[in-house]
Structure formats: structure tokens, C-alpha cells
Amino acid sequence: SHPVRPDRLTVMVTQASKALQEEGLITRHVTPHMWRHAVATNLLKT
């Protein structure tokens, strides 16, 4: 009936990023838009 709230998605990615940094599994803050960057840069190689 209603879509997920956009800000909820961003907040959850931020919270996951912070938790993973505290656990030492990743070394930087990540955002949802970085997936778009990853797709673009990888496809441009081929």
C-alpha cells in the first residue's frame, strides 16, 4: 500500500555502516548512493 520511507533506508545504511566500523569490519562510512557509483565505475570498464 505504501512504499518504504526513503529516509528509513538511508538511516539504516548509516546505522549499519557505523556498527560495522565499530566492529572493525569496514574502515569508512558508506551511503546508499555509493552502490550507484560502484555500478557505474564497474560497467565503464567493459
All heavy atoms as atom14 arrays in JSON, in Angstrom:
{
  "sequence": "SHPVRPDRLTVMVTQASKALQEEGLITRHVTPHMWRHAVATNLLKT",
  "atom14_mask": [
    [1, 1, 1, 1, 1, 1, 0, 0, 0, 0, 0, 0, 0, 0],
    [1, 1, 1, 1, 1, 1, 1, 1, 1, 1, 0, 0, 0, 0],
    [1, 1, 1, 1, 1, 1, 1, 0, 0, 0, 0, 0, 0, 0],
    [1, 1, 1, 1, 1, 1, 1, 0, 0, 0, 0, 0, 0, 0],
    [1, 1, 1, 1, 1, 1, 1, 1, 1, 1, 1, 0, 0, 0],
    [1, 1, 1, 1, 1, 1, 1, 0, 0, 0, 0, 0, 0, 0],
    [1, 1, 1, 1, 1, 1, 1, 1, 0, 0, 0, 0, 0, 0],
    [1, 1, 1, 1, 1, 1, 1, 1, 1, 1, 1, 0, 0, 0],
    [1, 1, 1, 1, 1, 1, 1, 1, 0, 0, 0, 0, 0, 0],
    [1, 1, 1, 1, 1, 1, 1, 0, 0, 0, 0, 0, 0, 0],
    [1, 1, 1, 1, 1, 1, 1, 0, 0, 0, 0, 0, 0, 0],
    [1, 1, 1, 1, 1, 1, 1, 1, 0, 0, 0, 0, 0, 0],
    [1, 1, 1, 1, 1, 1, 1, 0, 0, 0, 0, 0, 0, 0],
    [1, 1, 1, 1, 1, 1, 1, 0, 0, 0, 0, 0, 0, 0],
    [1, 1, 1, 1, 1, 1, 1, 1, 1, 0, 0, 0, 0, 0],
    [1, 1, 1, 1, 1, 0, 0, 0, 0, 0, 0, 0, 0, 0],
    [1, 1, 1, 1, 1, 1, 0, 0, 0, 0, 0, 0, 0, 0],
    [1, 1, 1, 1, 1, 1, 1, 1, 1, 0, 0, 0, 0, 0],
    [1, 1, 1, 1, 1, 0, 0, 0, 0, 0, 0, 0, 0, 0],
    [1, 1, 1, 1, 1, 1, 1, 1, 0, 0, 0, 0, 0, 0],
    [1, 1, 1, 1, 1, 1, 1, 1, 1, 0, 0, 0, 0, 0],
    [1, 1, 1, 1, 1, 1, 1, 1, 1, 0, 0, 0, 0, 0],
    [1, 1, 1, 1, 1, 1, 1, 1, 1, 0, 0, 0, 0, 0],
    [1, 1, 1, 1, 0, 0, 0, 0, 0, 0, 0, 0, 0, 0],
    [1, 1, 1, 1, 1, 1, 1, 1, 0, 0, 0, 0, 0, 0],
    [1, 1, 1, 1, 1, 1, 1, 1, 0, 0, 0, 0, 0, 0],
    [1, 1, 1, 1, 1, 1, 1, 0, 0, 0, 0, 0, 0, 0],
    [1, 1, 1, 1, 1, 1, 1, 1, 1, 1, 1, 0, 0, 0],
    [1, 1, 1, 1, 1, 1, 1, 1, 1, 1, 0, 0, 0, 0],
    [1, 1, 1, 1, 1, 1, 1, 0, 0, 0, 0, 0, 0, 0],
    [1, 1, 1, 1, 1, 1, 1, 0, 0, 0, 0, 0, 0, 0],
    [1, 1, 1, 1, 1, 1, 1, 0, 0, 0, 0, 0, 0, 0],
    [1, 1, 1, 1, 1, 1, 1, 1, 1, 1, 0, 0, 0, 0],
    [1, 1, 1, 1, 1, 1, 1, 1, 0, 0, 0, 0, 0, 0],
    [1, 1, 1, 1, 1, 1, 1, 1, 1, 1, 1, 1, 1, 1],
    [1, 1, 1, 1, 1, 1, 1, 1, 1, 1, 1, 0, 0, 0],
    [1, 1, 1, 1, 1, 1, 1, 1, 1, 1, 0, 0, 0, 0],
    [1, 1, 1, 1, 1, 0, 0, 0, 0, 0, 0, 0, 0, 0],
    [1, 1, 1, 1, 1, 1, 1, 0, 0, 0, 0, 0, 0, 0],
    [1, 1, 1, 1, 1, 0, 0, 0, 0, 0, 0, 0, 0, 0],
    [1, 1, 1, 1, 1, 1, 1, 0, 0, 0, 0, 0, 0, 0],
    [1, 1, 1, 1, 1, 1, 1, 1, 0, 0, 0, 0, 0, 0],
    [1, 1, 1, 1, 1, 1, 1, 1, 0, 0, 0, 0, 0, 0],
    [1, 1, 1, 1, 1, 1, 1, 1, 0, 0, 0, 0, 0, 0],
    [1, 1, 1, 1, 1, 1, 1, 1, 1, 0, 0, 0, 0, 0],
    [1, 1, 1, 1, 1, 1, 1, 0, 0, 0, 0, 0, 0, 0]
  ],
  "atom14_positions": [
    [[0.82, -1.22, 0.0], [0.0, 0.0, 0.0], [0.85, 1.26, 0.0], [0.53, 2.24, -0.68], [-0.93, 0.02, 1.22], [-1.82, -1.08, 1.16], [0.0, 0.0, 0.0], [0.0, 0.0, 0.0], [0.0, 0.0, 0.0], [0.0, 0.0, 0.0], [0.0, 0.0, 0.0], [0.0, 0.0, 0.0], [0.0, 0.0, 0.0], [0.0, 0.0, 0.0]],
    [[1.92, 1.26, 0.78], [2.8, 2.43, 0.86], [4.25, 1.96, 0.73], [4.6, 0.9, 1.23], [2.62, 3.16, 2.19], [1.23, 3.66, 2.42], [0.27, 2.9, 3.04], [0.63, 4.83, 2.08], [-0.87, 3.59, 3.09], [-0.67, 4.76, 2.51], [0.0, 0.0, 0.0], [0.0, 0.0, 0.0], [0.0, 0.0, 0.0], [0.0, 0.0, 0.0]],
    [[5.09, 2.77, 0.09], [6.49, 2.36, -0.06], [7.28, 2.57, 1.23], [6.85, 3.31, 2.13], [7.0, 3.31, -1.15], [6.19, 4.55, -0.97], [4.81, 4.07, -0.56], [0.0, 0.0, 0.0], [0.0, 0.0, 0.0], [0.0, 0.0, 0.0], [0.0, 0.0, 0.0], [0.0, 0.0, 0.0], [0.0, 0.0, 0.0], [0.0, 0.0, 0.0]],
    [[8.42, 1.91, 1.32], [9.36, 2.19, 2.4], [9.73, 3.67, 2.36], [9.87, 4.25, 1.28], [10.63, 1.32, 2.21], [11.77, 1.82, 3.08], [10.34, -0.13, 2.49], [0.0, 0.0, 0.0], [0.0, 0.0, 0.0], [0.0, 0.0, 0.0], [0.0, 0.0, 0.0], [0.0, 0.0, 0.0], [0.0, 0.0, 0.0], [0.0, 0.0, 0.0]],
    [[9.89, 4.28, 3.49], [10.26, 5.69, 3.52], [11.73, 5.84, 3.12], [12.6, 5.14, 3.67], [10.03, 6.28, 4.91], [8.58, 6.18, 5.36], [8.38, 6.79, 6.72], [8.37, 8.25, 6.66], [7.31, 8.98, 6.31], [6.18, 8.38, 5.99], [7.37, 10.29, 6.29], [0.0, 0.0, 0.0], [0.0, 0.0, 0.0], [0.0, 0.0, 0.0]],
    [[12.03, 6.72, 2.17], [13.42, 6.87, 1.7], [14.41, 7.14, 2.83], [15.5, 6.57, 2.85], [13.33, 8.06, 0.74], [11.91, 8.05, 0.26], [11.1, 7.57, 1.42], [0.0, 0.0, 0.0], [0.0, 0.0, 0.0], [0.0, 0.0, 0.0], [0.0, 0.0, 0.0], [0.0, 0.0, 0.0], [0.0, 0.0, 0.0], [0.0, 0.0, 0.0]],
    [[14.02, 7.99, 3.78], [14.94, 8.31, 4.86], [15.21, 7.1, 5.76], [16.28, 7.01, 6.36], [14.39, 9.46, 5.71], [14.53, 10.81, 5.01], [15.12, 10.83, 3.92], [14.05, 11.82, 5.55], [0.0, 0.0, 0.0], [0.0, 0.0, 0.0], [0.0, 0.0, 0.0], [0.0, 0.0, 0.0], [0.0, 0.0, 0.0], [0.0, 0.0, 0.0]],
    [[14.25, 6.19, 5.85], [14.46, 4.99, 6.66], [15.6, 4.16, 6.05], [16.45, 3.62, 6.77], [13.19, 4.16, 6.76], [13.37, 2.85, 7.54], [12.05, 2.12, 7.74], [12.26, 0.83, 8.4], [12.44, 0.66, 9.7], [12.46, 1.72, 10.51], [12.61, -0.54, 10.21], [0.0, 0.0, 0.0], [0.0, 0.0, 0.0], [0.0, 0.0, 0.0]],
    [[15.59, 4.05, 4.73], [16.64, 3.29, 4.07], [18.01, 3.91, 4.34], [18.96, 3.21, 4.7], [16.36, 3.22, 2.57], [17.29, 2.33, 1.73], [16.54, 1.78, 0.52], [18.52, 3.09, 1.24], [0.0, 0.0, 0.0], [0.0, 0.0, 0.0], [0.0, 0.0, 0.0], [0.0, 0.0, 0.0], [0.0, 0.0, 0.0], [0.0, 0.0, 0.0]],
    [[18.1, 5.23, 4.19], [19.37, 5.92, 4.42], [19.83, 5.77, 5.86], [21.01, 5.52, 6.14], [19.24, 7.41, 4.05], [18.89, 7.53, 2.67], [20.56, 8.14, 4.29], [0.0, 0.0, 0.0], [0.0, 0.0, 0.0], [0.0, 0.0, 0.0], [0.0, 0.0, 0.0], [0.0, 0.0, 0.0], [0.0, 0.0, 0.0], [0.0, 0.0, 0.0]],
    [[18.89, 5.91, 6.8], [19.24, 5.8, 8.23], [19.75, 4.4, 8.54], [20.74, 4.23, 9.28], [18.02, 6.15, 9.1], [18.25, 5.72, 10.55], [17.73, 7.64, 9.05], [0.0, 0.0, 0.0], [0.0, 0.0, 0.0], [0.0, 0.0, 0.0], [0.0, 0.0, 0.0], [0.0, 0.0, 0.0], [0.0, 0.0, 0.0], [0.0, 0.0, 0.0]],
    [[19.1, 3.38, 7.97], [19.52, 2.01, 8.27], [20.89, 1.7, 7.68], [21.69, 0.97, 8.28], [18.47, 1.02, 7.78], [17.14, 1.14, 8.49], [16.17, -0.37, 8.5], [17.07, -1.36, 9.69], [0.0, 0.0, 0.0], [0.0, 0.0, 0.0], [0.0, 0.0, 0.0], [0.0, 0.0, 0.0], [0.0, 0.0, 0.0], [0.0, 0.0, 0.0]],
    [[21.19, 2.24, 6.5], [22.53, 2.06, 5.93], [23.56, 2.76, 6.81], [24.65, 2.23, 7.07], [22.59, 2.59, 4.48], [24.03, 2.61, 3.97], [21.72, 1.74, 3.57], [0.0, 0.0, 0.0], [0.0, 0.0, 0.0], [0.0, 0.0, 0.0], [0.0, 0.0, 0.0], [0.0, 0.0, 0.0], [0.0, 0.0, 0.0], [0.0, 0.0, 0.0]],
    [[23.22, 3.96, 7.29], [24.13, 4.71, 8.16], [24.38, 3.95, 9.46], [25.53, 3.85, 9.92], [23.53, 6.09, 8.48], [23.38, 6.83, 7.26], [24.44, 6.88, 9.42], [0.0, 0.0, 0.0], [0.0, 0.0, 0.0], [0.0, 0.0, 0.0], [0.0, 0.0, 0.0], [0.0, 0.0, 0.0], [0.0, 0.0, 0.0], [0.0, 0.0, 0.0]],
    [[23.31, 3.42, 10.06], [23.47, 2.67, 11.3], [24.3, 1.41, 11.09], [25.16, 1.07, 11.91], [22.1, 2.3, 11.86], [21.3, 3.5, 12.37], [19.88, 3.13, 12.79], [19.39, 2.04, 12.48], [19.22, 4.03, 13.5], [0.0, 0.0, 0.0], [0.0, 0.0, 0.0], [0.0, 0.0, 0.0], [0.0, 0.0, 0.0], [0.0, 0.0, 0.0]],
    [[24.06, 0.71, 9.98], [24.83, -0.49, 9.68], [26.3, -0.15, 9.46], [27.2, -0.85, 9.93], [24.25, -1.18, 8.44], [0.0, 0.0, 0.0], [0.0, 0.0, 0.0], [0.0, 0.0, 0.0], [0.0, 0.0, 0.0], [0.0, 0.0, 0.0], [0.0, 0.0, 0.0], [0.0, 0.0, 0.0], [0.0, 0.0, 0.0], [0.0, 0.0, 0.0]],
    [[26.55, 0.95, 8.76], [27.91, 1.39, 8.5], [28.65, 1.7, 9.81], [29.79, 1.28, 10.01], [27.89, 2.64, 7.61], [29.18, 3.19, 7.45], [0.0, 0.0, 0.0], [0.0, 0.0, 0.0], [0.0, 0.0, 0.0], [0.0, 0.0, 0.0], [0.0, 0.0, 0.0], [0.0, 0.0, 0.0], [0.0, 0.0, 0.0], [0.0, 0.0, 0.0]],
    [[27.96, 2.41, 10.69], [28.57, 2.76, 11.98], [28.89, 1.51, 12.8], [29.98, 1.39, 13.39], [27.63, 3.68, 12.76], [28.21, 4.2, 14.07], [27.26, 5.16, 14.74], [27.85, 5.68, 16.05], [26.91, 6.61, 16.74], [0.0, 0.0, 0.0], [0.0, 0.0, 0.0], [0.0, 0.0, 0.0], [0.0, 0.0, 0.0], [0.0, 0.0, 0.0]],
    [[27.93, 0.57, 12.83], [28.13, -0.67, 13.6], [29.29, -1.48, 13.03], [30.12, -2.02, 13.78], [26.85, -1.5, 13.59], [0.0, 0.0, 0.0], [0.0, 0.0, 0.0], [0.0, 0.0, 0.0], [0.0, 0.0, 0.0], [0.0, 0.0, 0.0], [0.0, 0.0, 0.0], [0.0, 0.0, 0.0], [0.0, 0.0, 0.0], [0.0, 0.0, 0.0]],
    [[29.38, -1.56, 11.71], [30.46, -2.33, 11.07], [31.83, -1.68, 11.3], [32.83, -2.38, 11.45], [30.18, -2.46, 9.58], [29.0, -3.37, 9.21], [28.61, -3.18, 7.74], [29.33, -4.84, 9.48], [0.0, 0.0, 0.0], [0.0, 0.0, 0.0], [0.0, 0.0, 0.0], [0.0, 0.0, 0.0], [0.0, 0.0, 0.0], [0.0, 0.0, 0.0]],
    [[31.85, -0.35, 11.36], [33.1, 0.34, 11.66], [33.55, 0.04, 13.09], [34.73, -0.18, 13.34], [32.92, 1.85, 11.46], [32.92, 2.29, 10.0], [32.7, 3.78, 9.86], [31.59, 4.28, 9.99], [33.77, 4.51, 9.63], [0.0, 0.0, 0.0], [0.0, 0.0, 0.0], [0.0, 0.0, 0.0], [0.0, 0.0, 0.0], [0.0, 0.0, 0.0]],
    [[32.59, 0.06, 14.01], [32.92, -0.22, 15.41], [33.41, -1.65, 15.59], [34.25, -1.93, 16.44], [31.69, 0.03, 16.29], [31.31, 1.5, 16.4], [30.0, 1.72, 17.15], [29.32, 0.71, 17.45], [29.67, 2.89, 17.43], [0.0, 0.0, 0.0], [0.0, 0.0, 0.0], [0.0, 0.0, 0.0], [0.0, 0.0, 0.0], [0.0, 0.0, 0.0]],
    [[32.89, -2.56, 14.76], [33.32, -3.96, 14.82], [34.63, -4.19, 14.07], [35.19, -5.3, 14.11], [32.22, -4.86, 14.23], [30.93, -4.87, 15.04], [29.79, -5.57, 14.32], [30.09, -6.31, 13.35], [28.62, -5.39, 14.7], [0.0, 0.0, 0.0], [0.0, 0.0, 0.0], [0.0, 0.0, 0.0], [0.0, 0.0, 0.0], [0.0, 0.0, 0.0]],
    [[35.1, -3.18, 13.37], [36.35, -3.29, 12.63], [36.23, -4.04, 11.32], [37.24, -4.45, 10.74], [0.0, 0.0, 0.0], [0.0, 0.0, 0.0], [0.0, 0.0, 0.0], [0.0, 0.0, 0.0], [0.0, 0.0, 0.0], [0.0, 0.0, 0.0], [0.0, 0.0, 0.0], [0.0, 0.0, 0.0], [0.0, 0.0, 0.0], [0.0, 0.0, 0.0]],
    [[35.0, -4.21, 10.81], [34.79, -4.95, 9.56], [34.92, -4.07, 8.33], [35.23, -4.55, 7.24], [33.42, -5.64, 9.59], [33.27, -6.71, 10.7], [31.84, -7.24, 10.71], [34.26, -7.85, 10.48], [0.0, 0.0, 0.0], [0.0, 0.0, 0.0], [0.0, 0.0, 0.0], [0.0, 0.0, 0.0], [0.0, 0.0, 0.0], [0.0, 0.0, 0.0]],
    [[34.63, -2.77, 8.47], [34.87, -1.82, 7.38], [35.61, -0.62, 7.97], [35.58, -0.41, 9.19], [33.58, -1.37, 6.66], [32.64, -0.62, 7.62], [32.86, -2.55, 6.04], [31.41, -0.04, 6.94], [0.0, 0.0, 0.0], [0.0, 0.0, 0.0], [0.0, 0.0, 0.0], [0.0, 0.0, 0.0], [0.0, 0.0, 0.0], [0.0, 0.0, 0.0]],
    [[36.23, 0.17, 7.13], [37.09, 1.26, 7.63], [36.56, 2.65, 7.34], [37.23, 3.64, 7.65], [38.49, 1.13, 7.01], [38.38, 1.19, 5.57], [39.14, -0.17, 7.42], [0.0, 0.0, 0.0], [0.0, 0.0, 0.0], [0.0, 0.0, 0.0], [0.0, 0.0, 0.0], [0.0, 0.0, 0.0], [0.0, 0.0, 0.0], [0.0, 0.0, 0.0]],
    [[35.38, 2.76, 6.72], [34.87, 4.09, 6.36], [33.34, 4.1, 6.42], [32.69, 3.07, 6.49], [35.33, 4.47, 4.97], [34.85, 3.49, 3.9], [35.18, 3.93, 2.5], [34.66, 3.01, 1.51], [34.54, 3.32, 0.22], [34.91, 4.49, -0.21], [34.06, 2.42, -0.63], [0.0, 0.0, 0.0], [0.0, 0.0, 0.0], [0.0, 0.0, 0.0]],
    [[32.79, 5.31, 6.36], [31.34, 5.47, 6.32], [30.85, 5.25, 4.89], [31.47, 5.73, 3.93], [30.96, 6.88, 6.79], [29.51, 7.2, 6.62], [28.53, 6.61, 7.39], [28.88, 8.04, 5.76], [27.35, 7.08, 7.01], [27.53, 7.96, 6.04], [0.0, 0.0, 0.0], [0.0, 0.0, 0.0], [0.0, 0.0, 0.0], [0.0, 0.0, 0.0]],
    [[29.75, 4.52, 4.73], [29.2, 4.28, 3.39], [27.77, 4.78, 3.33], [27.07, 4.87, 4.35], [29.25, 2.77, 3.02], [30.67, 2.29, 2.94], [28.46, 1.92, 4.01], [0.0, 0.0, 0.0], [0.0, 0.0, 0.0], [0.0, 0.0, 0.0], [0.0, 0.0, 0.0], [0.0, 0.0, 0.0], [0.0, 0.0, 0.0], [0.0, 0.0, 0.0]],
    [[27.31, 5.11, 2.12], [25.96, 5.63, 1.89], [25.28, 4.85, 0.78], [25.96, 4.2, -0.04], [26.01, 7.12, 1.49], [26.63, 7.23, 0.19], [26.81, 7.94, 2.5], [0.0, 0.0, 0.0], [0.0, 0.0, 0.0], [0.0, 0.0, 0.0], [0.0, 0.0, 0.0], [0.0, 0.0, 0.0], [0.0, 0.0, 0.0], [0.0, 0.0, 0.0]],
    [[23.94, 4.92, 0.66], [23.23, 4.19, -0.4], [23.68, 4.57, -1.81], [23.75, 3.72, -2.69], [21.77, 4.56, -0.17], [21.68, 4.9, 1.27], [22.99, 5.55, 1.61], [0.0, 0.0, 0.0], [0.0, 0.0, 0.0], [0.0, 0.0, 0.0], [0.0, 0.0, 0.0], [0.0, 0.0, 0.0], [0.0, 0.0, 0.0], [0.0, 0.0, 0.0]],
    [[24.02, 5.84, -2.02], [24.37, 6.29, -3.37], [25.68, 5.69, -3.86], [25.97, 5.66, -5.06], [24.45, 7.82, -3.41], [24.26, 8.39, -4.78], [23.04, 8.37, -5.45], [25.13, 9.0, -5.64], [23.17, 8.93, -6.63], [24.42, 9.32, -6.78], [0.0, 0.0, 0.0], [0.0, 0.0, 0.0], [0.0, 0.0, 0.0], [0.0, 0.0, 0.0]],
    [[26.48, 5.17, -2.94], [27.76, 4.58, -3.31], [27.57, 3.29, -4.11], [28.47, 2.85, -4.82], [28.62, 4.34, -2.07], [29.13, 5.65, -1.45], [29.8, 5.47, 0.21], [31.29, 4.54, -0.13], [0.0, 0.0, 0.0], [0.0, 0.0, 0.0], [0.0, 0.0, 0.0], [0.0, 0.0, 0.0], [0.0, 0.0, 0.0], [0.0, 0.0, 0.0]],
    [[26.39, 2.65, -3.99], [26.1, 1.49, -4.84], [25.96, 1.93, -6.3], [26.41, 1.23, -7.21], [24.82, 0.8, -4.38], [25.04, -0.21, -3.3], [25.93, -1.27, -3.34], [24.4, -0.28, -2.03], [25.86, -1.98, -2.16], [24.93, -1.4, -1.34], [23.43, 0.48, -1.4], [24.51, -1.76, -0.06], [23.01, 0.13, -0.13], [23.56, -0.99, 0.53]],
    [[25.35, 3.07, -6.52], [25.22, 3.6, -7.88], [26.6, 3.9, -8.46], [26.88, 3.61, -9.63], [24.36, 4.85, -7.86], [24.09, 5.49, -9.22], [23.02, 6.57, -9.06], [22.87, 7.39, -10.25], [22.11, 7.07, -11.29], [21.45, 5.93, -11.3], [22.0, 7.88, -12.32], [0.0, 0.0, 0.0], [0.0, 0.0, 0.0], [0.0, 0.0, 0.0]],
    [[27.48, 4.47, -7.65], [28.84, 4.74, -8.09], [29.55, 3.44, -8.47], [30.3, 3.38, -9.46], [29.63, 5.44, -6.98], [29.18, 6.85, -6.74], [29.81, 7.69, -5.84], [28.18, 7.58, -7.28], [29.21, 8.87, -5.83], [28.21, 8.82, -6.7], [0.0, 0.0, 0.0], [0.0, 0.0, 0.0], [0.0, 0.0, 0.0], [0.0, 0.0, 0.0]],
    [[29.34, 2.39, -7.66], [30.01, 1.12, -7.92], [29.55, 0.52, -9.25], [30.37, 0.03, -10.04], [29.72, 0.15, -6.77], [0.0, 0.0, 0.0], [0.0, 0.0, 0.0], [0.0, 0.0, 0.0], [0.0, 0.0, 0.0], [0.0, 0.0, 0.0], [0.0, 0.0, 0.0], [0.0, 0.0, 0.0], [0.0, 0.0, 0.0], [0.0, 0.0, 0.0]],
    [[28.24, 0.55, -9.5], [27.72, 0.0, -10.76], [28.29, 0.77, -11.95], [28.74, 0.17, -12.94], [26.17, 0.07, -10.77], [25.63, -0.23, -12.16], [25.59, -0.91, -9.75], [0.0, 0.0, 0.0], [0.0, 0.0, 0.0], [0.0, 0.0, 0.0], [0.0, 0.0, 0.0], [0.0, 0.0, 0.0], [0.0, 0.0, 0.0], [0.0, 0.0, 0.0]],
    [[28.3, 2.1, -11.85], [28.78, 2.93, -12.97], [30.25, 2.68, -13.27], [30.64, 2.45, -14.43], [28.54, 4.4, -12.65], [0.0, 0.0, 0.0], [0.0, 0.0, 0.0], [0.0, 0.0, 0.0], [0.0, 0.0, 0.0], [0.0, 0.0, 0.0], [0.0, 0.0, 0.0], [0.0, 0.0, 0.0], [0.0, 0.0, 0.0], [0.0, 0.0, 0.0]],
    [[31.09, 2.73, -12.24], [32.53, 2.59, -12.48], [32.89, 1.19, -12.99], [33.79, 1.04, -13.82], [33.32, 2.89, -11.19], [32.79, 2.1, -10.11], [33.22, 4.35, -10.81], [0.0, 0.0, 0.0], [0.0, 0.0, 0.0], [0.0, 0.0, 0.0], [0.0, 0.0, 0.0], [0.0, 0.0, 0.0], [0.0, 0.0, 0.0], [0.0, 0.0, 0.0]],
    [[32.2, 0.17, -12.5], [32.49, -1.2, -12.95], [32.04, -1.43, -14.39], [32.76, -2.05, -15.17], [31.82, -2.22, -12.02], [32.59, -2.38, -10.71], [33.8, -2.49, -10.72], [31.88, -2.36, -9.61], [0.0, 0.0, 0.0], [0.0, 0.0, 0.0], [0.0, 0.0, 0.0], [0.0, 0.0, 0.0], [0.0, 0.0, 0.0], [0.0, 0.0, 0.0]],
    [[30.87, -0.93, -14.77], [30.38, -1.13, -16.13], [31.22, -0.38, -17.15], [31.4, -0.84, -18.29], [28.92, -0.7, -16.23], [27.89, -1.63, -15.58], [26.48, -1.06, -15.76], [27.95, -3.04, -16.17], [0.0, 0.0, 0.0], [0.0, 0.0, 0.0], [0.0, 0.0, 0.0], [0.0, 0.0, 0.0], [0.0, 0.0, 0.0], [0.0, 0.0, 0.0]],
    [[31.73, 0.8, -16.77], [32.52, 1.59, -17.71], [33.83, 0.9, -18.1], [34.46, 1.28, -19.09], [32.82, 2.98, -17.12], [31.69, 4.0, -17.23], [32.04, 5.26, -16.47], [31.39, 4.35, -18.69], [0.0, 0.0, 0.0], [0.0, 0.0, 0.0], [0.0, 0.0, 0.0], [0.0, 0.0, 0.0], [0.0, 0.0, 0.0], [0.0, 0.0, 0.0]],
    [[34.25, -0.09, -17.33], [35.47, -0.82, -17.67], [35.3, -1.68, -18.91], [36.27, -1.97, -19.62], [35.89, -1.71, -16.49], [36.3, -0.92, -15.25], [36.59, -1.85, -14.08], [36.92, -1.07, -12.82], [37.16, -1.98, -11.65], [0.0, 0.0, 0.0], [0.0, 0.0, 0.0], [0.0, 0.0, 0.0], [0.0, 0.0, 0.0], [0.0, 0.0, 0.0]],
    [[34.06, -2.11, -19.18], [33.84, -3.03, -20.31], [32.76, -2.56, -21.29], [32.69, -3.07, -22.4], [33.44, -4.43, -19.78], [32.32, -4.29, -18.88], [34.59, -5.06, -19.02], [0.0, 0.0, 0.0], [0.0, 0.0, 0.0], [0.0, 0.0, 0.0], [0.0, 0.0, 0.0], [0.0, 0.0, 0.0], [0.0, 0.0, 0.0], [0.0, 0.0, 0.0]]
  ]
}
